């Protein structure tokens, strides 16, 4: 598929939606990242900056991933949380397959830069609290108007990943202990809310001047426990080496919880957050095993799969520390 040609042909159909007089697309380039989806940046010829998010023909789609039309509907539904404005959900006439177009935000998504670069030094101290505030807004989204979404709780998430782990044939003592430890502590789901499902440093657009300006990548959204999102951003793998700052490598637990509560979020204890952080570490560890298996079998020989696969051992250290902390 010739994506640049299709985007140029699409530009006149986008113009009325944007009060624009554009006739074609320029500066078209594919952005790096994304194992199953493509992201393209482009401008209309009147200067309007846009993003195309699409699933390539034959692209893999995990069982938990949402159709892109559902993802686009969620971006509309979660306002006033900071998210990109959806411009168009692509139709067959657009020739781009399963895709949608949204406005492009200014900022940075590379976690290592966000936690280390001097350019972000002035906004880092407030990011953890802001993440809590934004999550409270997402969790307050009325459920009646949402597209169909699955509901999952701690026990079902644990069972799903244990099934994947058992099927892999892997035998790792720390993972075995973590499955039993988490199963004995899984909290019941009290009131389901909209959960982003992948709210972490790397899926947040951070401006060096305005802080958090956009929450991206909604393909794992579902209904569940609000503490799931609060725990996931604290998983050590998303701290990019700044392990002393448990919230995304830039903040502390209490700032995150305070921001969530101040914005009207349901009370979440640190104990419950840490449970979900441990479950998140185990889930990421199982995902790392699967990525290495994909590389080792020859199904996907990309170096990215092999590099991520080796990180399973890092999650074992994280799990041991979390279990020791709770002892």
Foldseek 3Di string as FASTA:
>chain_A
DPVQVLQQCCLVVLCVLVVHPFNGKPPWDWDDDDQFKTKIWIAGPVGFTKIKIGGDVVGDDDPLFDQVVLVLQLQVQLPPQFAWHWRAQDDVVSVGHGMTMTGDDDFDQPLLCCLDPPLQVVVLAQQLLVLLLSLLSQQPGDPPPHDDFAEDFQQRLLVVLVVLVVVVVDDDVLLVVLSVVLNVPGDDWDDKGWDQQQFARNQFGQHSVPGTRHGHDSGNIHIYHSLLNLLLRQQQVQLNPLNVARRSVRHHSVSNQVSNVVNPHDHDDPVSNLSSNLSNLSSQLSVLCVLCVCCVVVVDVDVVSNVSNVCSVVSSVVNVVSVVVVD
